[in-house]
Amino acid sequence: MSTTRRSGLLDPGMDLTLRPMRYPDFYERYRAAIRNTWTVEEVDLASDLADLSKLNADELHLVKRLVAFFATGDSIVANNLVLNLYKHINSPEARLYLSRQLFEEAVHVQFYLTLLDTYLTDDAERVQAFAAIEHIPSIRAKGEFCFKWIGTISSLDELTTAEDRRAFLLNLICFAACIEGLFFYGAFAYVYWLRDRGLLNGLASGTNWVFRDESMHMDFAFAVVDTVRREEPSLFDDKLTVQVTEMLEEAVAAELAFAHDLCGDGLPGMSSADMRSYLEYVADQRLARLGMPRRYGTPNPFGFMELQDVQELSNFFERRVSAYQVAVEGSVSFDEDF
């Protein structure tokens, strides 16, 4: 294994030297993530059981489909992190953050395991939920989208050519913008729609912490993209813009099929048409963050998502005083577009 210091973030090798620090921003992101430590045991799902009995058949279908997606979503992200991202980002500071992200994905997996064990009391129904990626078409399609992009660079041992690095960027952008930044944000919207109606506050409380983690994961990935853009600007051409835009269009289509599955003919304040508008709005936010032209020009239809950053920040400090073991240092910012 080479320990030679390299000149670029995607140059082959395994730089092990933290001093002098080449990418201090990545190290500060790692420290910020440590300050945001939470545990599944802090999430109280007890009140949700009474709420589940209040839901009608269509609403209960939505909730069960949603938790079935949650059952494997974060595991897929963790697999790509281990198999692809850690191997190719040649920065010890960035690998510290990725190690922390892997821990957070494990916490999310534990949270969704606990969620399914609480919501689904029938053993056979639990087994079906965890196997949803195999037998529910709308969830399988999202899984296939993820696996396709994992596979695009799984055979690359080193990023030796410009095309290798372009392929890596597309994988990184896919998981940041399409999976964590679109699939997960769509799922969060259903949770906060229910919370807006006074339902499943335990699920919303746990989702607050997951939401914050995923926003930080996405922001880190975009910071990696920014760094590569500074170091290798020739990779960021019209071809890459077309590829990313088409990727997001495909992700929106997959997530919209999931919305049709969850919402059917529509629920009060939540329909597949509403979700289409929201997904298009979010896709545009991801393209804008990448410095690429917006694709849709659709406004955000969900006022409860526009308020989410404010509510989460308030809950963060309220819970932190009474429940958290890790002290807050510095500042916490929620300026992501939802």
C-alpha atoms as a PDB file:
ATOM      1  CA  MET A   1       0.000   0.000   0.000  1.00  0.00           C
ATOM      2  CA  SER A   2       1.363   3.358  -1.010  1.00  0.00           C
ATOM      3  CA  THR A   3       1.628   6.079   1.619  1.00  0.00           C
ATOM      4  CA  THR A   4       3.055   8.685  -0.764  1.00  0.00           C
ATOM      5  CA  ARG A   5       1.372  12.070  -0.485  1.00  0.00           C
ATOM      6  CA  ARG A   6      -0.618  12.730  -3.631  1.00  0.00           C
ATOM      7  CA  SER A   7      -1.517  15.992  -5.280  1.00  0.00           C
ATOM      8  CA  GLY A   8      -5.227  15.400  -5.832  1.00  0.00           C
ATOM      9  CA  LEU A   9      -8.215  14.075  -3.925  1.00  0.00           C
ATOM     10  CA  LEU A  10      -8.915  11.288  -6.424  1.00  0.00           C
ATOM     11  CA  ASP A  11      -5.309  10.315  -7.158  1.00  0.00           C
ATOM     12  CA  PRO A  12      -4.674   6.607  -6.494  1.00  0.00           C
ATOM     13  CA  GLY A  13      -3.061   5.770  -3.171  1.00  0.00           C
ATOM     14  CA  MET A  14      -3.836   5.847   0.519  1.00  0.00           C
ATOM     15  CA  ASP A  15      -2.508   9.028   2.107  1.00  0.00           C
ATOM     16  CA  LEU A  16      -2.208   8.444   5.876  1.00  0.00           C
ATOM     17  CA  THR A  17      -0.785  11.778   6.976  1.00  0.00           C
ATOM     18  CA  LEU A  18      -3.026  14.219   8.840  1.00  0.00           C
ATOM     19  CA  ARG A  19      -0.303  16.863   9.274  1.00  0.00           C
ATOM     20  CA  PRO A  20       0.067  19.057   7.393  1.00  0.00           C
ATOM     21  CA  MET A  21      -3.669  18.828   6.806  1.00  0.00           C
ATOM     22  CA  ARG A  22      -4.654  19.193   3.141  1.00  0.00           C
ATOM     23  CA  TYR A  23      -8.420  19.292   3.607  1.00  0.00           C
ATOM     24  CA  PRO A  24      -9.263  20.802   7.002  1.00  0.00           C
ATOM     25  CA  ASP A  25     -12.902  21.342   6.004  1.00  0.00           C
ATOM     26  CA  PHE A  26     -13.442  17.583   5.900  1.00  0.00           C
ATOM     27  CA  TYR A  27     -11.961  17.253   9.383  1.00  0.00           C
ATOM     28  CA  GLU A  28     -14.291  19.961  10.720  1.00  0.00           C
ATOM     29  CA  ARG A  29     -17.243  18.105   9.205  1.00  0.00           C
ATOM     30  CA  TYR A  30     -16.135  14.985  11.062  1.00  0.00           C
ATOM     31  CA  ARG A  31     -15.993  16.953  14.329  1.00  0.00           C
ATOM     32  CA  ALA A  32     -19.433  18.436  13.693  1.00  0.00           C
ATOM     33  CA  ALA A  33     -20.850  14.963  13.107  1.00  0.00           C
ATOM     34  CA  ILE A  34     -19.435  13.760  16.433  1.00  0.00           C
ATOM     35  CA  ARG A  35     -21.210  16.630  18.180  1.00  0.00           C
ATOM     36  CA  ASN A  36     -24.479  15.457  16.653  1.00  0.00           C
ATOM     37  CA  THR A  37     -24.391  12.019  18.285  1.00  0.00           C
ATOM     38  CA  TRP A  38     -27.770  10.473  19.084  1.00  0.00           C
ATOM     39  CA  THR A  39     -29.005   6.998  19.964  1.00  0.00           C
ATOM     40  CA  VAL A  40     -32.092   5.030  19.015  1.00  0.00           C
ATOM     41  CA  GLU A  41     -32.965   4.585  22.687  1.00  0.00           C
ATOM     42  CA  GLU A  42     -33.775   8.307  22.883  1.00  0.00           C
ATOM     43  CA  VAL A  43     -36.666   7.934  20.442  1.00  0.00           C
ATOM     44  CA  ASP A  44     -40.010   7.182  22.119  1.00  0.00           C
ATOM     45  CA  LEU A  45     -42.343   5.324  19.755  1.00  0.00           C
ATOM     46  CA  ALA A  46     -44.907   4.383  22.398  1.00  0.00           C
ATOM     47  CA  SER A  47     -47.459   7.052  21.430  1.00  0.00           C
ATOM     48  CA  ASP A  48     -47.326   5.946  17.797  1.00  0.00           C
ATOM     49  CA  LEU A  49     -49.133   2.687  18.582  1.00  0.00           C
ATOM     50  CA  ALA A  50     -52.321   4.531  19.487  1.00  0.00           C
ATOM     51  CA  ASP A  51     -52.002   6.645  16.328  1.00  0.00           C
ATOM     52  CA  LEU A  52     -51.686   3.584  14.110  1.00  0.00           C
ATOM     53  CA  SER A  53     -55.123   2.441  15.274  1.00  0.00           C
ATOM     54  CA  LYS A  54     -56.572   5.795  14.110  1.00  0.00           C
ATOM     55  CA  LEU A  55     -55.373   5.456  10.527  1.00  0.00           C
ATOM     56  CA  ASN A  56     -57.720   4.356   7.779  1.00  0.00           C
ATOM     57  CA  ALA A  57     -56.750   1.559   5.383  1.00  0.00           C
ATOM     58  CA  ASP A  58     -55.148   3.879   2.808  1.00  0.00           C
ATOM     59  CA  GLU A  59     -53.090   5.722   5.426  1.00  0.00           C
ATOM     60  CA  LEU A  60     -51.974   2.463   7.012  1.00  0.00           C
ATOM     61  CA  HIS A  61     -50.914   1.191   3.584  1.00  0.00           C
ATOM     62  CA  LEU A  62     -48.767   4.306   3.136  1.00  0.00           C
ATOM     63  CA  VAL A  63     -47.091   3.856   6.521  1.00  0.00           C
ATOM     64  CA  LYS A  64     -46.354   0.169   5.967  1.00  0.00           C
ATOM     65  CA  ARG A  65     -44.930   0.791   2.488  1.00  0.00           C
ATOM     66  CA  LEU A  66     -42.830   3.620   3.879  1.00  0.00           C
ATOM     67  CA  VAL A  67     -41.274   1.581   6.680  1.00  0.00           C
ATOM     68  CA  ALA A  68     -40.667  -1.267   4.210  1.00  0.00           C
ATOM     69  CA  PHE A  69     -38.517   1.109   2.148  1.00  0.00           C
ATOM     70  CA  PHE A  70     -36.729   2.313   5.282  1.00  0.00           C
ATOM     71  CA  ALA A  71     -35.862  -1.311   6.111  1.00  0.00           C
ATOM     72  CA  THR A  72     -33.097  -1.472   3.487  1.00  0.00           C
ATOM     73  CA  GLY A  73     -32.470   2.081   2.260  1.00  0.00           C
ATOM     74  CA  ASP A  74     -29.649   2.995   4.627  1.00  0.00           C
ATOM     75  CA  SER A  75     -27.999  -0.409   4.256  1.00  0.00           C
ATOM     76  CA  ILE A  76     -27.665   0.246   0.514  1.00  0.00           C
ATOM     77  CA  VAL A  77     -26.018   3.613   1.194  1.00  0.00           C
ATOM     78  CA  ALA A  78     -23.630   2.022   3.697  1.00  0.00           C
ATOM     79  CA  ASN A  79     -22.633  -0.659   1.184  1.00  0.00           C
ATOM     80  CA  ASN A  80     -21.740   1.923  -1.449  1.00  0.00           C
ATOM     81  CA  LEU A  81     -19.775   3.913   1.104  1.00  0.00           C
ATOM     82  CA  VAL A  82     -17.658   0.897   2.045  1.00  0.00           C
ATOM     83  CA  LEU A  83     -17.313  -0.643  -1.417  1.00  0.00           C
ATOM     84  CA  ASN A  84     -16.739   2.511  -3.471  1.00  0.00           C
ATOM     85  CA  LEU A  85     -16.346   5.845  -1.701  1.00  0.00           C
ATOM     86  CA  TYR A  86     -13.848   4.996   1.045  1.00  0.00           C
ATOM     87  CA  LYS A  87     -11.564   3.281  -1.440  1.00  0.00           C
ATOM     88  CA  HIS A  88     -11.146   6.216  -3.806  1.00  0.00           C
ATOM     89  CA  ILE A  89     -11.251   9.435  -1.748  1.00  0.00           C
ATOM     90  CA  ASN A  90      -7.559   9.857  -0.966  1.00  0.00           C
ATOM     91  CA  SER A  91      -7.731  12.043   2.121  1.00  0.00           C
ATOM     92  CA  PRO A  92      -7.371  10.874   5.731  1.00  0.00           C
ATOM     93  CA  GLU A  93      -9.568  13.781   6.833  1.00  0.00           C
ATOM     94  CA  ALA A  94     -12.338  12.692   4.454  1.00  0.00           C
ATOM     95  CA  ARG A  95     -11.992   9.059   5.504  1.00  0.00           C
ATOM     96  CA  LEU A  96     -12.517  10.126   9.120  1.00  0.00           C
ATOM     97  CA  TYR A  97     -15.830  11.633   8.055  1.00  0.00           C
ATOM     98  CA  LEU A  98     -16.772   8.567   6.001  1.00  0.00           C
ATOM     99  CA  SER A  99     -16.038   6.353   9.016  1.00  0.00           C
ATOM    100  CA  ARG A 100     -18.377   8.496  11.074  1.00  0.00           C
ATOM    101  CA  GLN A 101     -21.005   8.393   8.328  1.00  0.00           C
ATOM    102  CA  LEU A 102     -20.848   4.605   8.333  1.00  0.00           C
ATOM    103  CA  PHE A 103     -21.573   4.643  12.080  1.00  0.00           C
ATOM    104  CA  GLU A 104     -24.533   6.953  11.490  1.00  0.00           C
ATOM    105  CA  GLU A 105     -25.913   4.680   8.778  1.00  0.00           C
ATOM    106  CA  ALA A 106     -25.727   1.814  11.287  1.00  0.00           C
ATOM    107  CA  VAL A 107     -27.720   3.882  13.795  1.00  0.00           C
ATOM    108  CA  HIS A 108     -30.323   4.569  11.105  1.00  0.00           C
ATOM    109  CA  VAL A 109     -30.556   0.848  10.324  1.00  0.00           C
ATOM    110  CA  GLN A 110     -31.068   0.165  14.047  1.00  0.00           C
ATOM    111  CA  PHE A 111     -33.752   2.863  14.218  1.00  0.00           C
ATOM    112  CA  TYR A 112     -35.686   1.372  11.319  1.00  0.00           C
ATOM    113  CA  LEU A 113     -35.306  -2.145  12.751  1.00  0.00           C
ATOM    114  CA  THR A 114     -36.800  -0.840  16.009  1.00  0.00           C
ATOM    115  CA  LEU A 115     -39.496   0.985  14.060  1.00  0.00           C
ATOM    116  CA  LEU A 116     -40.566  -2.138  12.189  1.00  0.00           C
ATOM    117  CA  ASP A 117     -40.491  -4.267  15.327  1.00  0.00           C
ATOM    118  CA  THR A 118     -42.756  -1.694  17.020  1.00  0.00           C
ATOM    119  CA  TYR A 119     -45.183  -1.041  14.164  1.00  0.00           C
ATOM    120  CA  LEU A 120     -45.494  -4.575  12.773  1.00  0.00           C
ATOM    121  CA  THR A 121     -46.420  -6.998  15.514  1.00  0.00           C
ATOM    122  CA  ASP A 122     -46.908  -9.976  13.206  1.00  0.00           C
ATOM    123  CA  ASP A 123     -43.682 -11.898  12.537  1.00  0.00           C
ATOM    124  CA  ALA A 124     -44.647 -12.820   8.976  1.00  0.00           C
ATOM    125  CA  GLU A 125     -45.447  -9.186   8.191  1.00  0.00           C
ATOM    126  CA  ARG A 126     -42.018  -8.143   9.462  1.00  0.00           C
ATOM    127  CA  VAL A 127     -40.318 -10.700   7.243  1.00  0.00           C
ATOM    128  CA  GLN A 128     -42.297  -9.393   4.271  1.00  0.00           C
ATOM    129  CA  ALA A 129     -41.283  -5.814   5.073  1.00  0.00           C
ATOM    130  CA  PHE A 130     -37.590  -6.655   5.142  1.00  0.00           C
ATOM    131  CA  ALA A 131     -37.968  -8.534   1.858  1.00  0.00           C
ATOM    132  CA  ALA A 132     -39.862  -5.658   0.228  1.00  0.00           C
ATOM    133  CA  ILE A 133     -36.969  -4.834  -2.082  1.00  0.00           C
ATOM    134  CA  GLU A 134     -37.549  -8.234  -3.690  1.00  0.00           C
ATOM    135  CA  HIS A 135     -41.351  -8.415  -3.975  1.00  0.00           C
ATOM    136  CA  ILE A 136     -42.775  -4.857  -3.992  1.00  0.00           C
ATOM    137  CA  PRO A 137     -42.245  -3.445  -7.510  1.00  0.00           C
ATOM    138  CA  SER A 138     -42.006   0.237  -6.534  1.00  0.00           C
ATOM    139  CA  ILE A 139     -39.360  -0.502  -3.896  1.00  0.00           C
ATOM    140  CA  ARG A 140     -37.545  -3.001  -6.118  1.00  0.00           C
ATOM    141  CA  ALA A 141     -37.266  -0.358  -8.860  1.00  0.00           C
ATOM    142  CA  LYS A 142     -35.603   2.064  -6.448  1.00  0.00           C
ATOM    143  CA  GLY A 143     -33.252  -0.683  -5.296  1.00  0.00           C
ATOM    144  CA  GLU A 144     -32.316  -1.543  -8.870  1.00  0.00           C
ATOM    145  CA  PHE A 145     -31.545   2.116  -9.538  1.00  0.00           C
ATOM    146  CA  CYS A 146     -29.177   2.120  -6.545  1.00  0.00           C
ATOM    147  CA  PHE A 147     -27.504  -1.172  -7.445  1.00  0.00           C
ATOM    148  CA  LYS A 148     -26.967  -0.057 -11.025  1.00  0.00           C
ATOM    149  CA  TRP A 149     -24.948   2.922  -9.865  1.00  0.00           C
ATOM    150  CA  ILE A 150     -23.044   0.906  -7.268  1.00  0.00           C
ATOM    151  CA  GLY A 151     -22.039  -1.432 -10.069  1.00  0.00           C
ATOM    152  CA  THR A 152     -20.723   1.300 -12.348  1.00  0.00           C
ATOM    153  CA  ILE A 153     -17.471   1.599 -10.378  1.00  0.00           C
ATOM    154  CA  SER A 154     -17.384  -1.612  -8.316  1.00  0.00           C
ATOM    155  CA  SER A 155     -14.676  -3.075 -10.585  1.00  0.00           C
ATOM    156  CA  LEU A 156     -12.411  -0.009 -10.387  1.00  0.00           C
ATOM    157  CA  ASP A 157      -9.430  -0.510  -8.102  1.00  0.00           C
ATOM    158  CA  GLU A 158      -7.929   2.898  -8.945  1.00  0.00           C
ATOM    159  CA  LEU A 159      -9.146   6.042 -10.682  1.00  0.00           C
ATOM    160  CA  THR A 160      -6.361   6.227 -13.236  1.00  0.00           C
ATOM    161  CA  THR A 161      -8.144   7.928 -16.155  1.00  0.00           C
ATOM    162  CA  ALA A 162     -10.464  10.873 -16.606  1.00  0.00           C
ATOM    163  CA  GLU A 163     -13.287   8.473 -17.448  1.00  0.00           C
ATOM    164  CA  ASP A 164     -12.650   6.554 -14.214  1.00  0.00           C
ATOM    165  CA  ARG A 165     -12.915   9.795 -12.252  1.00  0.00           C
ATOM    166  CA  ARG A 166     -16.033  10.843 -14.127  1.00  0.00           C
ATOM    167  CA  ALA A 167     -17.599   7.473 -13.257  1.00  0.00           C
ATOM    168  CA  PHE A 168     -16.675   7.999  -9.603  1.00  0.00           C
ATOM    169  CA  LEU A 169     -18.218  11.474  -9.604  1.00  0.00           C
ATOM    170  CA  LEU A 170     -21.436  10.115 -11.073  1.00  0.00           C
ATOM    171  CA  ASN A 171     -21.614   7.454  -8.351  1.00  0.00           C
ATOM    172  CA  LEU A 172     -20.951  10.022  -5.627  1.00  0.00           C
ATOM    173  CA  ILE A 173     -23.483  12.480  -7.052  1.00  0.00           C
ATOM    174  CA  CYS A 174     -26.048   9.716  -7.460  1.00  0.00           C
ATOM    175  CA  PHE A 175     -25.915   8.722  -3.813  1.00  0.00           C
ATOM    176  CA  ALA A 176     -25.820  12.327  -2.570  1.00  0.00           C
ATOM    177  CA  ALA A 177     -28.360  13.926  -4.904  1.00  0.00           C
ATOM    178  CA  CYS A 178     -30.634  11.041  -5.920  1.00  0.00           C
ATOM    179  CA  ILE A 179     -30.660   8.590  -3.024  1.00  0.00           C
ATOM    180  CA  GLU A 180     -29.919  10.540   0.148  1.00  0.00           C
ATOM    181  CA  GLY A 181     -31.022  13.819  -1.431  1.00  0.00           C
ATOM    182  CA  LEU A 182     -34.200  12.692  -3.252  1.00  0.00           C
ATOM    183  CA  PHE A 183     -35.384   9.187  -2.261  1.00  0.00           C
ATOM    184  CA  PHE A 184     -34.838   9.899   1.426  1.00  0.00           C
ATOM    185  CA  TYR A 185     -36.235  13.420   1.246  1.00  0.00           C
ATOM    186  CA  GLY A 186     -39.374  12.061  -0.395  1.00  0.00           C
ATOM    187  CA  ALA A 187     -39.708   9.573   2.458  1.00  0.00           C
ATOM    188  CA  PHE A 188     -39.174  12.330   5.022  1.00  0.00           C
ATOM    189  CA  ALA A 189     -41.985  14.353   3.411  1.00  0.00           C
ATOM    190  CA  TYR A 190     -44.485  11.561   4.149  1.00  0.00           C
ATOM    191  CA  VAL A 191     -43.320  11.477   7.766  1.00  0.00           C
ATOM    192  CA  TYR A 192     -43.690  15.223   8.214  1.00  0.00           C
ATOM    193  CA  TRP A 193     -47.070  15.216   6.440  1.00  0.00           C
ATOM    194  CA  LEU A 194     -48.253  12.773   9.115  1.00  0.00           C
ATOM    195  CA  ARG A 195     -46.681  14.893  11.864  1.00  0.00           C
ATOM    196  CA  ASP A 196     -48.423  17.968  10.448  1.00  0.00           C
ATOM    197  CA  ARG A 197     -51.681  16.137  11.092  1.00  0.00           C
ATOM    198  CA  GLY A 198     -50.664  15.308  14.674  1.00  0.00           C
ATOM    199  CA  LEU A 199     -49.846  11.666  13.909  1.00  0.00           C
ATOM    200  CA  LEU A 200     -46.822   9.421  14.601  1.00  0.00           C
ATOM    201  CA  ASN A 201     -44.784  11.978  16.510  1.00  0.00           C
ATOM    202  CA  GLY A 202     -42.351   9.280  17.641  1.00  0.00           C
ATOM    203  CA  LEU A 203     -41.529   8.476  14.025  1.00  0.00           C
ATOM    204  CA  ALA A 204     -41.117  12.199  13.310  1.00  0.00           C
ATOM    205  CA  SER A 205     -38.845  12.649  16.333  1.00  0.00           C
ATOM    206  CA  GLY A 206     -36.490   9.905  15.186  1.00  0.00           C
ATOM    207  CA  THR A 207     -36.703  11.149  11.614  1.00  0.00           C
ATOM    208  CA  ASN A 208     -35.507  14.581  12.811  1.00  0.00           C
ATOM    209  CA  TRP A 209     -32.157  13.061  13.765  1.00  0.00           C
ATOM    210  CA  VAL A 210     -31.947  10.970  10.595  1.00  0.00           C
ATOM    211  CA  PHE A 211     -32.887  14.046   8.545  1.00  0.00           C
ATOM    212  CA  ARG A 212     -30.055  16.053  10.046  1.00  0.00           C
ATOM    213  CA  ASP A 213     -27.544  13.249   9.496  1.00  0.00           C
ATOM    214  CA  GLU A 214     -28.572  12.752   5.878  1.00  0.00           C
ATOM    215  CA  SER A 215     -28.377  16.486   5.184  1.00  0.00           C
ATOM    216  CA  MET A 216     -24.806  16.477   6.496  1.00  0.00           C
ATOM    217  CA  HIS A 217     -23.928  13.379   4.423  1.00  0.00           C
ATOM    218  CA  MET A 218     -25.218  15.083   1.315  1.00  0.00           C
ATOM    219  CA  ASP A 219     -23.401  18.310   2.099  1.00  0.00           C
ATOM    220  CA  PHE A 220     -20.130  16.417   2.630  1.00  0.00           C
ATOM    221  CA  ALA A 221     -20.493  14.648  -0.717  1.00  0.00           C
ATOM    222  CA  PHE A 222     -21.118  17.957  -2.471  1.00  0.00           C
ATOM    223  CA  ALA A 223     -18.034  19.393  -0.748  1.00  0.00           C
ATOM    224  CA  VAL A 224     -16.023  16.507  -2.221  1.00  0.00           C
ATOM    225  CA  VAL A 225     -17.463  17.363  -5.634  1.00  0.00           C
ATOM    226  CA  ASP A 226     -16.507  21.021  -5.111  1.00  0.00           C
ATOM    227  CA  THR A 227     -12.947  19.988  -4.250  1.00  0.00           C
ATOM    228  CA  VAL A 228     -12.612  17.797  -7.338  1.00  0.00           C
ATOM    229  CA  ARG A 229     -14.018  20.635  -9.438  1.00  0.00           C
ATOM    230  CA  ARG A 230     -11.241  22.935  -8.179  1.00  0.00           C
ATOM    231  CA  GLU A 231      -8.546  20.303  -8.738  1.00  0.00           C
ATOM    232  CA  GLU A 232      -9.782  18.862 -12.036  1.00  0.00           C
ATOM    233  CA  PRO A 233     -12.173  21.355 -13.681  1.00  0.00           C
ATOM    234  CA  SER A 234     -11.950  19.594 -17.053  1.00  0.00           C
ATOM    235  CA  LEU A 235     -14.136  16.785 -15.673  1.00  0.00           C
ATOM    236  CA  PHE A 236     -17.059  19.190 -15.300  1.00  0.00           C
ATOM    237  CA  ASP A 237     -18.186  19.599 -18.873  1.00  0.00           C
ATOM    238  CA  ASP A 238     -21.508  19.610 -20.691  1.00  0.00           C
ATOM    239  CA  LYS A 239     -21.446  15.819 -20.893  1.00  0.00           C
ATOM    240  CA  LEU A 240     -21.381  15.509 -17.095  1.00  0.00           C
ATOM    241  CA  THR A 241     -24.254  17.987 -16.788  1.00  0.00           C
ATOM    242  CA  VAL A 242     -26.350  15.932 -19.208  1.00  0.00           C
ATOM    243  CA  GLN A 243     -25.518  12.694 -17.372  1.00  0.00           C
ATOM    244  CA  VAL A 244     -26.403  14.125 -13.950  1.00  0.00           C
ATOM    245  CA  THR A 245     -29.627  15.659 -15.229  1.00  0.00           C
ATOM    246  CA  GLU A 246     -30.709  12.383 -16.822  1.00  0.00           C
ATOM    247  CA  MET A 247     -29.806  10.528 -13.620  1.00  0.00           C
ATOM    248  CA  LEU A 248     -32.025  12.842 -11.572  1.00  0.00           C
ATOM    249  CA  GLU A 249     -34.860  12.483 -14.089  1.00  0.00           C
ATOM    250  CA  GLU A 250     -34.644   8.705 -13.678  1.00  0.00           C
ATOM    251  CA  ALA A 251     -34.606   9.062  -9.875  1.00  0.00           C
ATOM    252  CA  VAL A 252     -37.670  11.327  -9.954  1.00  0.00           C
ATOM    253  CA  ALA A 253     -39.506   8.764 -12.103  1.00  0.00           C
ATOM    254  CA  ALA A 254     -38.637   5.915  -9.703  1.00  0.00           C
ATOM    255  CA  GLU A 255     -39.680   7.933  -6.663  1.00  0.00           C
ATOM    256  CA  LEU A 256     -42.894   9.022  -8.387  1.00  0.00           C
ATOM    257  CA  ALA A 257     -43.797   5.362  -8.998  1.00  0.00           C
ATOM    258  CA  PHE A 258     -43.285   4.825  -5.264  1.00  0.00           C
ATOM    259  CA  ALA A 259     -45.587   7.808  -4.584  1.00  0.00           C
ATOM    260  CA  HIS A 260     -48.329   6.272  -6.755  1.00  0.00           C
ATOM    261  CA  ASP A 261     -47.950   3.061  -4.728  1.00  0.00           C
ATOM    262  CA  LEU A 262     -48.176   4.896  -1.391  1.00  0.00           C
ATOM    263  CA  CYS A 263     -50.852   7.488  -2.197  1.00  0.00           C
ATOM    264  CA  GLY A 264     -53.133   5.664  -4.628  1.00  0.00           C
ATOM    265  CA  ASP A 265     -55.846   8.088  -5.702  1.00  0.00           C
ATOM    266  CA  GLY A 266     -54.645  10.624  -3.167  1.00  0.00           C
ATOM    267  CA  LEU A 267     -54.903  11.402   0.527  1.00  0.00           C
ATOM    268  CA  PRO A 268     -55.812  14.718   2.214  1.00  0.00           C
ATOM    269  CA  GLY A 269     -52.854  17.017   1.635  1.00  0.00           C
ATOM    270  CA  MET A 270     -50.760  14.278   0.012  1.00  0.00           C
ATOM    271  CA  SER A 271     -51.164  12.987  -3.529  1.00  0.00           C
ATOM    272  CA  SER A 272     -48.849  11.653  -6.193  1.00  0.00           C
ATOM    273  CA  ALA A 273     -49.297  14.982  -8.028  1.00  0.00           C
ATOM    274  CA  ASP A 274     -48.155  16.854  -4.913  1.00  0.00           C
ATOM    275  CA  MET A 275     -45.200  14.523  -4.564  1.00  0.00           C
ATOM    276  CA  ARG A 276     -44.261  14.975  -8.229  1.00  0.00           C
ATOM    277  CA  SER A 277     -44.051  18.735  -7.656  1.00  0.00           C
ATOM    278  CA  TYR A 278     -42.002  18.244  -4.500  1.00  0.00           C
ATOM    279  CA  LEU A 279     -39.596  15.808  -6.157  1.00  0.00           C
ATOM    280  CA  GLU A 280     -39.098  18.124  -9.108  1.00  0.00           C
ATOM    281  CA  TYR A 281     -38.468  21.006  -6.715  1.00  0.00           C
ATOM    282  CA  VAL A 282     -35.894  18.955  -4.772  1.00  0.00           C
ATOM    283  CA  ALA A 283     -34.198  17.757  -7.981  1.00  0.00           C
ATOM    284  CA  ASP A 284     -33.780  21.388  -9.034  1.00  0.00           C
ATOM    285  CA  GLN A 285     -32.209  22.202  -5.652  1.00  0.00           C
ATOM    286  CA  ARG A 286     -29.665  19.415  -6.139  1.00  0.00           C
ATOM    287  CA  LEU A 287     -28.818  20.570  -9.667  1.00  0.00           C
ATOM    288  CA  ALA A 288     -28.410  24.164  -8.492  1.00  0.00           C
ATOM    289  CA  ARG A 289     -26.098  23.048  -5.674  1.00  0.00           C
ATOM    290  CA  LEU A 290     -23.955  21.297  -8.284  1.00  0.00           C
ATOM    291  CA  GLY A 291     -23.798  24.463 -10.369  1.00  0.00           C
ATOM    292  CA  MET A 292     -25.983  22.952 -13.099  1.00  0.00           C
ATOM    293  CA  PRO A 293     -29.129  24.377 -14.741  1.00  0.00           C
ATOM    294  CA  ARG A 294     -32.431  23.606 -13.038  1.00  0.00           C
ATOM    295  CA  ARG A 295     -34.551  21.085 -14.920  1.00  0.00           C
ATOM    296  CA  TYR A 296     -38.138  21.680 -13.799  1.00  0.00           C
ATOM    297  CA  GLY A 297     -38.775  25.126 -12.279  1.00  0.00           C
ATOM    298  CA  THR A 298     -41.440  23.665  -9.963  1.00  0.00           C
ATOM    299  CA  PRO A 299     -42.255  25.362  -6.631  1.00  0.00           C
ATOM    300  CA  ASN A 300     -42.340  23.468  -3.334  1.00  0.00           C
ATOM    301  CA  PRO A 301     -45.970  22.407  -2.675  1.00  0.00           C
ATOM    302  CA  PHE A 302     -45.346  21.363   0.938  1.00  0.00           C
ATOM    303  CA  GLY A 303     -45.305  24.226   3.418  1.00  0.00           C
ATOM    304  CA  PHE A 304     -44.555  21.778   6.239  1.00  0.00           C
ATOM    305  CA  MET A 305     -41.228  20.952   4.569  1.00  0.00           C
ATOM    306  CA  GLU A 306     -40.290  24.622   4.284  1.00  0.00           C
ATOM    307  CA  LEU A 307     -40.686  24.876   8.079  1.00  0.00           C
ATOM    308  CA  GLN A 308     -38.815  21.649   8.801  1.00  0.00           C
ATOM    309  CA  ASP A 309     -35.398  23.266   9.262  1.00  0.00           C
ATOM    310  CA  VAL A 310     -36.774  25.704  11.861  1.00  0.00           C
ATOM    311  CA  GLN A 311     -38.663  23.007  13.779  1.00  0.00           C
ATOM    312  CA  GLU A 312     -35.698  20.653  13.739  1.00  0.00           C
ATOM    313  CA  LEU A 313     -33.359  23.336  15.076  1.00  0.00           C
ATOM    314  CA  SER A 314     -35.757  24.119  17.926  1.00  0.00           C
ATOM    315  CA  ASN A 315     -36.186  20.441  18.785  1.00  0.00           C
ATOM    316  CA  PHE A 316     -32.437  19.921  18.582  1.00  0.00           C
ATOM    317  CA  PHE A 317     -31.645  22.392  21.333  1.00  0.00           C
ATOM    318  CA  GLU A 318     -34.634  21.401  23.463  1.00  0.00           C
ATOM    319  CA  ARG A 319     -33.730  17.713  23.391  1.00  0.00           C
ATOM    320  CA  ARG A 320     -30.019  18.367  23.635  1.00  0.00           C
ATOM    321  CA  VAL A 321     -30.289  19.969  27.053  1.00  0.00           C
ATOM    322  CA  SER A 322     -32.352  17.178  28.566  1.00  0.00           C
ATOM    323  CA  ALA A 323     -31.247  14.055  26.736  1.00  0.00           C
ATOM    324  CA  TYR A 324     -27.915  14.316  24.970  1.00  0.00           C
ATOM    325  CA  GLN A 325     -24.553  13.336  26.384  1.00  0.00           C
ATOM    326  CA  VAL A 326     -22.377  15.145  23.839  1.00  0.00           C
ATOM    327  CA  ALA A 327     -22.138  18.893  24.350  1.00  0.00           C
ATOM    328  CA  VAL A 328     -22.792  21.306  21.527  1.00  0.00           C
ATOM    329  CA  GLU A 329     -19.821  23.387  20.497  1.00  0.00           C
ATOM    330  CA  GLY A 330     -19.774  25.908  17.688  1.00  0.00           C
ATOM    331  CA  SER A 331     -22.883  26.432  15.577  1.00  0.00           C
ATOM    332  CA  VAL A 332     -25.545  24.265  14.009  1.00  0.00           C
ATOM    333  CA  SER A 333     -26.896  25.480  10.657  1.00  0.00           C
ATOM    334  CA  PHE A 334     -29.897  24.253   8.727  1.00  0.00           C
ATOM    335  CA  ASP A 335     -29.817  26.186   5.483  1.00  0.00           C
ATOM    336  CA  GLU A 336     -30.549  23.297   3.123  1.00  0.00           C
ATOM    337  CA  ASP A 337     -33.362  23.802   0.630  1.00  0.00           C
ATOM    338  CA  PHE A 338     -36.123  21.306   1.287  1.00  0.00           C
END
